[in-house]
Amino acid sequence: MMRTEQGKTLGSLGYSAAKEALINLMRNYASVLAAHRIRVNAVQPTGVHTPMIHNSMLEEYFTTADEQDRLALVNAIHVRAVEPVDISNAMLWLCSEEGRYVTGSAIRVDAGANLR
């Protein structure tokens, strides 16, 4: 979510639209495939400590962006990013016996980013 008009770039608007479209597609597939005991879910992470967020382009953004736009990338739990293993653990849980009846769900491993 971008907080200022300047922050509403074509990239962020397109990203948001694509993400919602994928969630809708996931839920529709989950509905159709449930009769075959096929589960479909999505994992929605916040920033993850990988080269996707540790790069010169993002570092430049954090030094030049408007403060209100930077706030759109702040997690509710005070961490800049989560570890890759946090995402893997969520996926392993979904694939485990404990997650056997979870379908059509978007699992947020986002340190509360969606609350901002």
C-alpha atoms as a PDB file:
ATOM      1  CA  MET A   1       0.000   0.000   0.000  1.00  0.00           C
ATOM      2  CA  MET A   2       1.480   3.340  -1.018  1.00  0.00           C
ATOM      3  CA  ARG A   3       0.587   6.265   1.205  1.00  0.00           C
ATOM      4  CA  THR A   4       1.221   9.206  -1.128  1.00  0.00           C
ATOM      5  CA  GLU A   5       0.291  10.026  -4.696  1.00  0.00           C
ATOM      6  CA  GLN A   6       3.978  10.081  -5.633  1.00  0.00           C
ATOM      7  CA  GLY A   7       4.354   6.558  -4.280  1.00  0.00           C
ATOM      8  CA  LYS A   8       1.710   5.152  -6.607  1.00  0.00           C
ATOM      9  CA  THR A   9       4.074   4.123  -9.359  1.00  0.00           C
ATOM     10  CA  LEU A  10       3.049   1.944 -12.265  1.00  0.00           C
ATOM     11  CA  GLY A  11       5.149  -0.799 -10.723  1.00  0.00           C
ATOM     12  CA  SER A  12       3.403  -0.749  -7.352  1.00  0.00           C
ATOM     13  CA  LEU A  13      -0.065  -0.510  -8.881  1.00  0.00           C
ATOM     14  CA  GLY A  14       0.674  -3.360 -11.292  1.00  0.00           C
ATOM     15  CA  TYR A  15       2.196  -5.454  -8.508  1.00  0.00           C
ATOM     16  CA  SER A  16      -0.871  -4.977  -6.323  1.00  0.00           C
ATOM     17  CA  ALA A  17      -3.257  -5.857  -9.153  1.00  0.00           C
ATOM     18  CA  ALA A  18      -1.261  -8.961 -10.113  1.00  0.00           C
ATOM     19  CA  LYS A  19      -1.065 -10.140  -6.507  1.00  0.00           C
ATOM     20  CA  GLU A  20      -4.830  -9.868  -6.045  1.00  0.00           C
ATOM     21  CA  ALA A  21      -5.411 -11.644  -9.372  1.00  0.00           C
ATOM     22  CA  LEU A  22      -3.210 -14.539  -8.262  1.00  0.00           C
ATOM     23  CA  ILE A  23      -5.051 -14.822  -4.952  1.00  0.00           C
ATOM     24  CA  ASN A  24      -8.351 -14.914  -6.834  1.00  0.00           C
ATOM     25  CA  LEU A  25      -6.998 -17.591  -9.190  1.00  0.00           C
ATOM     26  CA  MET A  26      -5.709 -19.627  -6.238  1.00  0.00           C
ATOM     27  CA  ARG A  27      -9.094 -19.511  -4.509  1.00  0.00           C
ATOM     28  CA  ASN A  28     -10.932 -20.541  -7.677  1.00  0.00           C
ATOM     29  CA  TYR A  29      -8.570 -23.478  -8.275  1.00  0.00           C
ATOM     30  CA  ALA A  30      -8.926 -24.476  -4.621  1.00  0.00           C
ATOM     31  CA  SER A  31     -12.701 -24.511  -5.010  1.00  0.00           C
ATOM     32  CA  VAL A  32     -12.624 -26.628  -8.171  1.00  0.00           C
ATOM     33  CA  LEU A  33      -9.915 -29.049  -7.019  1.00  0.00           C
ATOM     34  CA  ALA A  34     -11.131 -29.622  -3.458  1.00  0.00           C
ATOM     35  CA  ALA A  35     -13.461 -32.380  -4.686  1.00  0.00           C
ATOM     36  CA  HIS A  36     -10.305 -34.261  -5.747  1.00  0.00           C
ATOM     37  CA  ARG A  37      -8.613 -33.638  -2.375  1.00  0.00           C
ATOM     38  CA  ILE A  38      -6.142 -31.298  -4.067  1.00  0.00           C
ATOM     39  CA  ARG A  39      -5.328 -28.299  -1.913  1.00  0.00           C
ATOM     40  CA  VAL A  40      -4.297 -24.929  -3.307  1.00  0.00           C
ATOM     41  CA  ASN A  41      -2.884 -22.166  -1.112  1.00  0.00           C
ATOM     42  CA  ALA A  42      -0.627 -19.149  -1.407  1.00  0.00           C
ATOM     43  CA  VAL A  43       2.156 -17.923   0.847  1.00  0.00           C
ATOM     44  CA  GLN A  44       2.486 -14.138   0.997  1.00  0.00           C
ATOM     45  CA  PRO A  45       5.766 -13.021   2.523  1.00  0.00           C
ATOM     46  CA  THR A  46       7.019  -9.590   3.424  1.00  0.00           C
ATOM     47  CA  GLY A  47      10.543  -8.758   2.359  1.00  0.00           C
ATOM     48  CA  VAL A  48      12.829 -11.763   2.702  1.00  0.00           C
ATOM     49  CA  HIS A  49      16.578 -11.531   3.329  1.00  0.00           C
ATOM     50  CA  THR A  50      17.566 -12.380  -0.250  1.00  0.00           C
ATOM     51  CA  PRO A  51      19.156 -10.444  -3.124  1.00  0.00           C
ATOM     52  CA  MET A  52      15.649  -9.353  -4.123  1.00  0.00           C
ATOM     53  CA  ILE A  53      15.697  -6.793  -1.292  1.00  0.00           C
ATOM     54  CA  HIS A  54      19.437  -6.518  -0.693  1.00  0.00           C
ATOM     55  CA  ASN A  55      20.524  -4.672  -3.811  1.00  0.00           C
ATOM     56  CA  SER A  56      21.631  -1.228  -4.895  1.00  0.00           C
ATOM     57  CA  MET A  57      18.276  -0.249  -6.387  1.00  0.00           C
ATOM     58  CA  LEU A  58      16.381  -0.810  -3.142  1.00  0.00           C
ATOM     59  CA  GLU A  59      19.110   0.766  -1.051  1.00  0.00           C
ATOM     60  CA  GLU A  60      18.890   3.873  -3.253  1.00  0.00           C
ATOM     61  CA  TYR A  61      15.111   3.900  -2.838  1.00  0.00           C
ATOM     62  CA  PHE A  62      15.447   3.914   0.947  1.00  0.00           C
ATOM     63  CA  THR A  63      17.836   6.866   0.822  1.00  0.00           C
ATOM     64  CA  THR A  64      15.828   8.981  -1.647  1.00  0.00           C
ATOM     65  CA  ALA A  65      12.138   8.096  -1.176  1.00  0.00           C
ATOM     66  CA  ASP A  66       9.668  10.271   0.666  1.00  0.00           C
ATOM     67  CA  GLU A  67       9.347   9.284   4.330  1.00  0.00           C
ATOM     68  CA  GLN A  68       5.639   8.455   3.954  1.00  0.00           C
ATOM     69  CA  ASP A  69       6.400   6.135   1.022  1.00  0.00           C
ATOM     70  CA  ARG A  70       9.108   4.354   3.037  1.00  0.00           C
ATOM     71  CA  LEU A  71       6.566   3.815   5.823  1.00  0.00           C
ATOM     72  CA  ALA A  72       4.495   1.717   3.417  1.00  0.00           C
ATOM     73  CA  LEU A  73       7.291  -0.874   3.576  1.00  0.00           C
ATOM     74  CA  VAL A  74       7.487  -1.054   7.376  1.00  0.00           C
ATOM     75  CA  ASN A  75       6.397  -4.256   9.098  1.00  0.00           C
ATOM     76  CA  ALA A  76       4.241  -4.114  12.232  1.00  0.00           C
ATOM     77  CA  ILE A  77       6.708  -6.466  13.932  1.00  0.00           C
ATOM     78  CA  HIS A  78       9.909  -4.464  13.964  1.00  0.00           C
ATOM     79  CA  VAL A  79      12.065  -6.411  11.496  1.00  0.00           C
ATOM     80  CA  ARG A  80      13.205  -5.173   8.116  1.00  0.00           C
ATOM     81  CA  ALA A  81      12.763  -8.611   6.571  1.00  0.00           C
ATOM     82  CA  VAL A  82      12.213 -12.247   7.479  1.00  0.00           C
ATOM     83  CA  GLU A  83      14.554 -15.145   6.860  1.00  0.00           C
ATOM     84  CA  PRO A  84      14.072 -17.534   3.917  1.00  0.00           C
ATOM     85  CA  VAL A  85      13.608 -20.387   6.405  1.00  0.00           C
ATOM     86  CA  ASP A  86      10.509 -18.622   7.775  1.00  0.00           C
ATOM     87  CA  ILE A  87       8.853 -18.926   4.363  1.00  0.00           C
ATOM     88  CA  SER A  88      10.054 -22.502   3.938  1.00  0.00           C
ATOM     89  CA  ASN A  89       8.616 -23.453   7.326  1.00  0.00           C
ATOM     90  CA  ALA A  90       5.197 -22.082   6.379  1.00  0.00           C
ATOM     91  CA  MET A  91       5.279 -24.067   3.153  1.00  0.00           C
ATOM     92  CA  LEU A  92       6.374 -27.220   4.960  1.00  0.00           C
ATOM     93  CA  TRP A  93       3.487 -26.789   7.397  1.00  0.00           C
ATOM     94  CA  LEU A  94       1.029 -26.447   4.519  1.00  0.00           C
ATOM     95  CA  CYS A  95       2.389 -29.682   3.019  1.00  0.00           C
ATOM     96  CA  SER A  96       2.334 -31.540   6.336  1.00  0.00           C
ATOM     97  CA  GLU A  97      -0.404 -33.582   7.983  1.00  0.00           C
ATOM     98  CA  GLU A  98      -1.145 -30.600  10.240  1.00  0.00           C
ATOM     99  CA  GLY A  99      -2.118 -28.522   7.209  1.00  0.00           C
ATOM    100  CA  ARG A 100      -4.088 -31.251   5.449  1.00  0.00           C
ATOM    101  CA  TYR A 101      -7.407 -29.392   5.598  1.00  0.00           C
ATOM    102  CA  VAL A 102      -6.109 -25.947   4.700  1.00  0.00           C
ATOM    103  CA  THR A 103      -7.121 -24.930   1.196  1.00  0.00           C
ATOM    104  CA  GLY A 104      -8.002 -21.686  -0.504  1.00  0.00           C
ATOM    105  CA  SER A 105      -5.955 -19.726   2.022  1.00  0.00           C
ATOM    106  CA  ALA A 106      -3.445 -16.962   1.624  1.00  0.00           C
ATOM    107  CA  ILE A 107      -0.957 -17.502   4.439  1.00  0.00           C
ATOM    108  CA  ARG A 108       0.791 -14.254   5.320  1.00  0.00           C
ATOM    109  CA  VAL A 109       4.307 -14.584   6.665  1.00  0.00           C
ATOM    110  CA  ASP A 110       4.690 -10.844   6.627  1.00  0.00           C
ATOM    111  CA  ALA A 111       5.555  -9.634  10.129  1.00  0.00           C
ATOM    112  CA  GLY A 112       2.291  -7.698  10.021  1.00  0.00           C
ATOM    113  CA  ALA A 113       3.131  -5.755   6.829  1.00  0.00           C
ATOM    114  CA  ASN A 114      -0.480  -6.073   5.693  1.00  0.00           C
ATOM    115  CA  LEU A 115      -1.549  -4.120   8.793  1.00  0.00           C
ATOM    116  CA  ARG A 116       0.274  -1.024   7.596  1.00  0.00           C
END
